[in-house]
C-alpha cells in the first residue's frame, strides 16, 4: 500500500511539473515574440543597461582593490 501511495504522489507531482513546464514554454515564447518585434530602442536600452552594469562592477572592484 505504501508503495502505491508513493507512486501515486509521484505521478501527481510529475503531472504538475509537466503543466508548469508547458506554462514556462508559453511564457518564453511570448518573451521571444516581444523581443523579435522589439524595435531598436529596446535593444539599445538593453545594451546601455548592460554596459552600465559592467562599468559599475568594474568600478566597484577597482574601489575595493585600491582602498
PDB file of N, CA and C in Angstrom:
ATOM      1  N   UNK A   1       0.811  -1.206   0.000  1.00  0.00           N
ATOM      2  CA  UNK A   1       0.000   0.000   0.000  1.00  0.00           C
ATOM      3  C   UNK A   1       0.853   1.268   0.000  1.00  0.00           C
ATOM      4  N   UNK A   2       1.898   1.297   0.798  1.00  0.00           N
ATOM      5  CA  UNK A   2       2.731   2.492   0.891  1.00  0.00           C
ATOM      6  C   UNK A   2       3.406   2.788  -0.444  1.00  0.00           C
ATOM      7  N   UNK A   3       3.792   1.723  -1.126  1.00  0.00           N
ATOM      8  CA  UNK A   3       4.429   1.916  -2.426  1.00  0.00           C
ATOM      9  C   UNK A   3       3.446   2.498  -3.438  1.00  0.00           C
ATOM     10  N   UNK A   4       2.216   2.014  -3.415  1.00  0.00           N
ATOM     11  CA  UNK A   4       1.191   2.547  -4.315  1.00  0.00           C
ATOM     12  C   UNK A   4       0.930   4.021  -4.041  1.00  0.00           C
ATOM     13  N   UNK A   5       0.897   4.383  -2.770  1.00  0.00           N
ATOM     14  CA  UNK A   5       0.673   5.780  -2.390  1.00  0.00           C
ATOM     15  C   UNK A   5       1.831   6.653  -2.855  1.00  0.00           C
ATOM     16  N   UNK A   6       3.045   6.166  -2.675  1.00  0.00           N
ATOM     17  CA  UNK A   6       4.219   6.933  -3.095  1.00  0.00           C
ATOM     18  C   UNK A   6       4.238   7.118  -4.603  1.00  0.00           C
ATOM     19  N   UNK A   7       3.899   6.077  -5.339  1.00  0.00           N
ATOM     20  CA  UNK A   7       3.861   6.158  -6.803  1.00  0.00           C
ATOM     21  C   UNK A   7       2.771   7.129  -7.246  1.00  0.00           C
ATOM     22  N   UNK A   8       1.636   7.084  -6.582  1.00  0.00           N
ATOM     23  CA  UNK A   8       0.545   7.992  -6.924  1.00  0.00           C
ATOM     24  C   UNK A   8       0.955   9.438  -6.682  1.00  0.00           C
ATOM     25  N   UNK A   9       1.638   9.688  -5.554  1.00  0.00           N
ATOM     26  CA  UNK A   9       2.110  11.048  -5.263  1.00  0.00           C
ATOM     27  C   UNK A   9       3.112  11.515  -6.321  1.00  0.00           C
ATOM     28  N   UNK A  10       4.003  10.628  -6.715  1.00  0.00           N
ATOM     29  CA  UNK A  10       4.988  10.979  -7.745  1.00  0.00           C
ATOM     30  C   UNK A  10       4.316  11.273  -9.078  1.00  0.00           C
ATOM     31  N   UNK A  11       3.294  10.502  -9.409  1.00  0.00           N
ATOM     32  CA  UNK A  11       2.575  10.752 -10.654  1.00  0.00           C
ATOM     33  C   UNK A  11       1.920  12.123 -10.632  1.00  0.00           C
ATOM     34  N   UNK A  12       1.341  12.496  -9.505  1.00  0.00           N
ATOM     35  CA  UNK A  12       0.714  13.819  -9.378  1.00  0.00           C
ATOM     36  C   UNK A  12       1.775  14.909  -9.503  1.00  0.00           C
ATOM     37  N   UNK A  13       2.922  14.703  -8.878  1.00  0.00           N
ATOM     38  CA  UNK A  13       3.996  15.695  -8.966  1.00  0.00           C
ATOM     39  C   UNK A  13       4.510  15.835 -10.402  1.00  0.00           C
ATOM     40  N   UNK A  14       4.620  14.734 -11.101  1.00  0.00           N
ATOM     41  CA  UNK A  14       5.080  14.778 -12.493  1.00  0.00           C
ATOM     42  C   UNK A  14       4.063  15.522 -13.362  1.00  0.00           C
ATOM     43  N   UNK A  15       2.793  15.281 -13.153  1.00  0.00           N
ATOM     44  CA  UNK A  15       1.760  15.999 -13.907  1.00  0.00           C
ATOM     45  C   UNK A  15       1.847  17.498 -13.641  1.00  0.00           C
ATOM     46  N   UNK A  16       2.071  17.875 -12.380  1.00  0.00           N
ATOM     47  CA  UNK A  16       2.195  19.301 -12.030  1.00  0.00           C
ATOM     48  C   UNK A  16       3.425  19.898 -12.707  1.00  0.00           C
ATOM     49  N   UNK A  17       4.530  19.153 -12.699  1.00  0.00           N
ATOM     50  CA  UNK A  17       5.740  19.641 -13.360  1.00  0.00           C
ATOM     51  C   UNK A  17       5.533  19.793 -14.867  1.00  0.00           C
ATOM     52  N   UNK A  18       4.795  18.880 -15.467  1.00  0.00           N
ATOM     53  CA  UNK A  18       4.514  18.983 -16.892  1.00  0.00           C
ATOM     54  C   UNK A  18       3.669  20.223 -17.187  1.00  0.00           C
ATOM     55  N   UNK A  19       2.688  20.501 -16.330  1.00  0.00           N
ATOM     56  CA  UNK A  19       1.865  21.702 -16.509  1.00  0.00           C
ATOM     57  C   UNK A  19       2.720  22.958 -16.359  1.00  0.00           C
ATOM     58  N   UNK A  20       3.587  22.965 -15.339  1.00  0.00           N
ATOM     59  CA  UNK A  20       4.464  24.119 -15.131  1.00  0.00           C
ATOM     60  C   UNK A  20       5.399  24.319 -16.316  1.00  0.00           C
ATOM     61  N   UNK A  21       5.909  23.233 -16.854  1.00  0.00           N
ATOM     62  CA  UNK A  21       6.811  23.323 -17.996  1.00  0.00           C
ATOM     63  C   UNK A  21       6.083  23.868 -19.226  1.00  0.00           C
ATOM     64  N   UNK A  22       4.846  23.461 -19.413  1.00  0.00           N
ATOM     65  CA  UNK A  22       4.050  23.971 -20.525  1.00  0.00           C
ATOM     66  C   UNK A  22       3.833  25.478 -20.379  1.00  0.00           C
ATOM     67  N   UNK A  23       3.501  25.912 -19.162  1.00  0.00           N
ATOM     68  CA  UNK A  23       3.315  27.348 -18.915  1.00  0.00           C
ATOM     69  C   UNK A  23       4.619  28.107 -19.143  1.00  0.00           C
ATOM     70  N   UNK A  24       5.722  27.525 -18.696  1.00  0.00           N
ATOM     71  CA  UNK A  24       7.021  28.171 -18.867  1.00  0.00           C
ATOM     72  C   UNK A  24       7.373  28.307 -20.347  1.00  0.00           C
ATOM     73  N   UNK A  25       7.092  27.273 -21.118  1.00  0.00           N
ATOM     74  CA  UNK A  25       7.352  27.331 -22.561  1.00  0.00           C
ATOM     75  C   UNK A  25       6.523  28.428 -23.219  1.00  0.00           C
ATOM     76  N   UNK A  26       5.270  28.556 -22.799  1.00  0.00           N
ATOM     77  CA  UNK A  26       4.416  29.602 -23.357  1.00  0.00           C
ATOM     78  C   UNK A  26       4.959  30.986 -22.996  1.00  0.00           C
ATOM     79  N   UNK A  27       5.427  31.148 -21.755  1.00  0.00           N
ATOM     80  CA  UNK A  27       5.990  32.427 -21.340  1.00  0.00           C
ATOM     81  C   UNK A  27       7.247  32.766 -22.131  1.00  0.00           C
ATOM     82  N   UNK A  28       8.088  31.780 -22.340  1.00  0.00           N
ATOM     83  CA  UNK A  28       9.314  32.007 -23.104  1.00  0.00           C
ATOM     84  C   UNK A  28       8.979  32.372 -24.545  1.00  0.00           C
ATOM     85  N   UNK A  29       7.988  31.714 -25.125  1.00  0.00           N
ATOM     86  CA  UNK A  29       7.576  32.048 -26.490  1.00  0.00           C
ATOM     87  C   UNK A  29       7.045  33.468 -26.561  1.00  0.00           C
ATOM     88  N   UNK A  30       6.287  33.885 -25.536  1.00  0.00           N
ATOM     89  CA  UNK A  30       5.759  35.251 -25.520  1.00  0.00           C
ATOM     90  C   UNK A  30       6.889  36.267 -25.402  1.00  0.00           C
ATOM     91  N   UNK A  31       7.855  35.995 -24.559  1.00  0.00           N
ATOM     92  CA  UNK A  31       9.003  36.904 -24.409  1.00  0.00           C
ATOM     93  C   UNK A  31       9.792  36.965 -25.703  1.00  0.00           C
ATOM     94  N   UNK A  32       9.992  35.821 -26.309  1.00  0.00           N
ATOM     95  CA  UNK A  32      10.743  35.792 -27.568  1.00  0.00           C
ATOM     96  C   UNK A  32      10.016  36.556 -28.670  1.00  0.00           C
ATOM     97  N   UNK A  33       8.694  36.424 -28.709  1.00  0.00           N
ATOM     98  CA  UNK A  33       7.914  37.145 -29.713  1.00  0.00           C
ATOM     99  C   UNK A  33       8.036  38.652 -29.507  1.00  0.00           C
ATOM    100  N   UNK A  34       7.998  39.081 -28.247  1.00  0.00           N
ATOM    101  CA  UNK A  34       8.138  40.519 -27.972  1.00  0.00           C
ATOM    102  C   UNK A  34       9.520  41.016 -28.340  1.00  0.00           C
ATOM    103  N   UNK A  35      10.550  40.205 -28.056  1.00  0.00           N
ATOM    104  CA  UNK A  35      11.899  40.628 -28.425  1.00  0.00           C
ATOM    105  C   UNK A  35      12.086  40.632 -29.935  1.00  0.00           C
ATOM    106  N   UNK A  36      11.450  39.711 -30.625  1.00  0.00           N
ATOM    107  CA  UNK A  36      11.538  39.699 -32.081  1.00  0.00           C
ATOM    108  C   UNK A  36      10.871  40.931 -32.685  1.00  0.00           C
ATOM    109  N   UNK A  37       9.774  41.376 -32.048  1.00  0.00           N
ATOM    110  CA  UNK A  37       9.061  42.543 -32.556  1.00  0.00           C
ATOM    111  C   UNK A  37       9.664  43.846 -32.058  1.00  0.00           C
ATOM    112  N   UNK A  38      10.541  43.767 -31.064  1.00  0.00           N
ATOM    113  CA  UNK A  38      11.091  44.985 -30.462  1.00  0.00           C
ATOM    114  C   UNK A  38      11.895  45.767 -31.491  1.00  0.00           C
ATOM    115  N   UNK A  39      11.682  47.048 -31.470  1.00  0.00           N
ATOM    116  CA  UNK A  39      12.454  47.881 -32.380  1.00  0.00           C
ATOM    117  C   UNK A  39      13.820  48.166 -31.750  1.00  0.00           C
ATOM    118  N   UNK A  40      14.593  48.987 -32.397  1.00  0.00           N
ATOM    119  CA  UNK A  40      15.956  49.249 -31.959  1.00  0.00           C
ATOM    120  C   UNK A  40      16.060  49.912 -30.604  1.00  0.00           C
ATOM    121  N   UNK A  41      15.024  50.649 -30.196  1.00  0.00           N
ATOM    122  CA  UNK A  41      15.121  51.373 -28.932  1.00  0.00           C
ATOM    123  C   UNK A  41      15.214  50.432 -27.743  1.00  0.00           C
ATOM    124  N   UNK A  42      14.462  49.347 -27.753  1.00  0.00           N
ATOM    125  CA  UNK A  42      14.519  48.406 -26.638  1.00  0.00           C
ATOM    126  C   UNK A  42      15.854  47.677 -26.644  1.00  0.00           C
ATOM    127  N   UNK A  43      16.323  47.322 -27.811  1.00  0.00           N
ATOM    128  CA  UNK A  43      17.624  46.664 -27.884  1.00  0.00           C
ATOM    129  C   UNK A  43      18.729  47.617 -27.410  1.00  0.00           C
ATOM    130  N   UNK A  44      18.631  48.879 -27.791  1.00  0.00           N
ATOM    131  CA  UNK A  44      19.624  49.857 -27.357  1.00  0.00           C
ATOM    132  C   UNK A  44      19.557  50.042 -25.840  1.00  0.00           C
ATOM    133  N   UNK A  45      18.367  50.042 -25.285  1.00  0.00           N
ATOM    134  CA  UNK A  45      18.204  50.159 -23.843  1.00  0.00           C
ATOM    135  C   UNK A  45      18.864  48.975 -23.130  1.00  0.00           C
ATOM    136  N   UNK A  46      18.714  47.792 -23.676  1.00  0.00           N
ATOM    137  CA  UNK A  46      19.354  46.613 -23.086  1.00  0.00           C
ATOM    138  C   UNK A  46      20.874  46.717 -23.178  1.00  0.00           C
ATOM    139  N   UNK A  47      21.384  47.216 -24.285  1.00  0.00           N
ATOM    140  CA  UNK A  47      22.833  47.362 -24.459  1.00  0.00           C
ATOM    141  C   UNK A  47      23.377  48.389 -23.478  1.00  0.00           C
ATOM    142  N   UNK A  48      22.705  49.535 -23.366  1.00  0.00           N
ATOM    143  CA  UNK A  48      23.159  50.581 -22.447  1.00  0.00           C
ATOM    144  C   UNK A  48      23.104  50.075 -21.006  1.00  0.00           C
ATOM    145  N   UNK A  49      22.052  49.367 -20.650  1.00  0.00           N
ATOM    146  CA  UNK A  49      21.951  48.803 -19.304  1.00  0.00           C
ATOM    147  C   UNK A  49      23.070  47.815 -19.020  1.00  0.00           C
ATOM    148  N   UNK A  50      23.395  46.997 -19.993  1.00  0.00           N
ATOM    149  CA  UNK A  50      24.484  46.024 -19.818  1.00  0.00           C
ATOM    150  C   UNK A  50      25.825  46.727 -19.653  1.00  0.00           C
ATOM    151  N   UNK A  51      26.049  47.755 -20.451  1.00  0.00           N
ATOM    152  CA  UNK A  51      27.302  48.498 -20.350  1.00  0.00           C
ATOM    153  C   UNK A  51      27.409  49.186 -18.992  1.00  0.00           C
ATOM    154  N   UNK A  52      26.329  49.799 -18.538  1.00  0.00           N
ATOM    155  CA  UNK A  52      26.336  50.468 -17.232  1.00  0.00           C
ATOM    156  C   UNK A  52      26.575  49.466 -16.107  1.00  0.00           C
ATOM    157  N   UNK A  53      25.970  48.315 -16.195  1.00  0.00           N
ATOM    158  CA  UNK A  53      26.177  47.292 -15.169  1.00  0.00           C
ATOM    159  C   UNK A  53      27.630  46.827 -15.159  1.00  0.00           C
ATOM    160  N   UNK A  54      28.213  46.654 -16.326  1.00  0.00           N
ATOM    161  CA  UNK A  54      29.608  46.233 -16.412  1.00  0.00           C
ATOM    162  C   UNK A  54      30.535  47.298 -15.844  1.00  0.00           C
ATOM    163  N   UNK A  55      30.312  48.553 -16.221  1.00  0.00           N
ATOM    164  CA  UNK A  55      31.144  49.648 -15.703  1.00  0.00           C
ATOM    165  C   UNK A  55      30.993  49.781 -14.187  1.00  0.00           C
ATOM    166  N   UNK A  56      29.783  49.613 -13.687  1.00  0.00           N
ATOM    167  CA  UNK A  56      29.566  49.671 -12.243  1.00  0.00           C
ATOM    168  C   UNK A  56      30.303  48.570 -11.511  1.00  0.00           C
ATOM    169  N   UNK A  57      30.303  47.368 -12.078  1.00  0.00           N
ATOM    170  CA  UNK A  57      31.011  46.249 -11.454  1.00  0.00           C
ATOM    171  C   UNK A  57      32.522  46.478 -11.472  1.00  0.00           C
ATOM    172  N   UNK A  58      33.036  46.979 -12.584  1.00  0.00           N
ATOM    173  CA  UNK A  58      34.466  47.250 -12.678  1.00  0.00           C
ATOM    174  C   UNK A  58      34.853  48.353 -11.693  1.00  0.00           C
ATOM    175  N   UNK A  59      34.054  49.387 -11.615  1.00  0.00           N
ATOM    176  CA  UNK A  59      34.323  50.489 -10.689  1.00  0.00           C
ATOM    177  C   UNK A  59      34.296  50.004  -9.244  1.00  0.00           C
ATOM    178  N   UNK A  60      33.317  49.205  -8.905  1.00  0.00           N
ATOM    179  CA  UNK A  60      33.233  48.669  -7.543  1.00  0.00           C
ATOM    180  C   UNK A  60      34.440  47.784  -7.235  1.00  0.00           C
ATOM    181  N   UNK A  61      34.869  46.992  -8.182  1.00  0.00           N
ATOM    182  CA  UNK A  61      36.044  46.138  -7.988  1.00  0.00           C
ATOM    183  C   UNK A  61      37.294  46.992  -7.823  1.00  0.00           C
ATOM    184  N   UNK A  62      37.424  48.047  -8.614  1.00  0.00           N
ATOM    185  CA  UNK A  62      38.581  48.919  -8.547  1.00  0.00           C
ATOM    186  C   UNK A  62      38.639  49.648  -7.204  1.00  0.00           C
ATOM    187  N   UNK A  63      37.495  50.127  -6.750  1.00  0.00           N
ATOM    188  CA  UNK A  63      37.451  50.867  -5.477  1.00  0.00           C
ATOM    189  C   UNK A  63      37.842  49.944  -4.319  1.00  0.00           C
ATOM    190  N   UNK A  64      37.364  48.726  -4.301  1.00  0.00           N
ATOM    191  CA  UNK A  64      37.704  47.816  -3.210  1.00  0.00           C
ATOM    192  C   UNK A  64      39.163  47.362  -3.318  1.00  0.00           C
ATOM    193  N   UNK A  65      39.715  47.313  -4.519  1.00  0.00           N
ATOM    194  CA  UNK A  65      41.105  46.912  -4.688  1.00  0.00           C
ATOM    195  C   UNK A  65      42.059  48.043  -4.306  1.00  0.00           C
ATOM    196  N   UNK A  66      41.665  49.275  -4.630  1.00  0.00           N
ATOM    197  CA  UNK A  66      42.503  50.439  -4.402  1.00  0.00           C
ATOM    198  C   UNK A  66      42.592  50.792  -2.921  1.00  0.00           C
ATOM    199  N   UNK A  67      41.504  50.632  -2.196  1.00  0.00           N
ATOM    200  CA  UNK A  67      41.494  51.060  -0.792  1.00  0.00           C
ATOM    201  C   UNK A  67      41.531  49.897   0.086  1.00  0.00           C
TER     202      UNK A  67
END
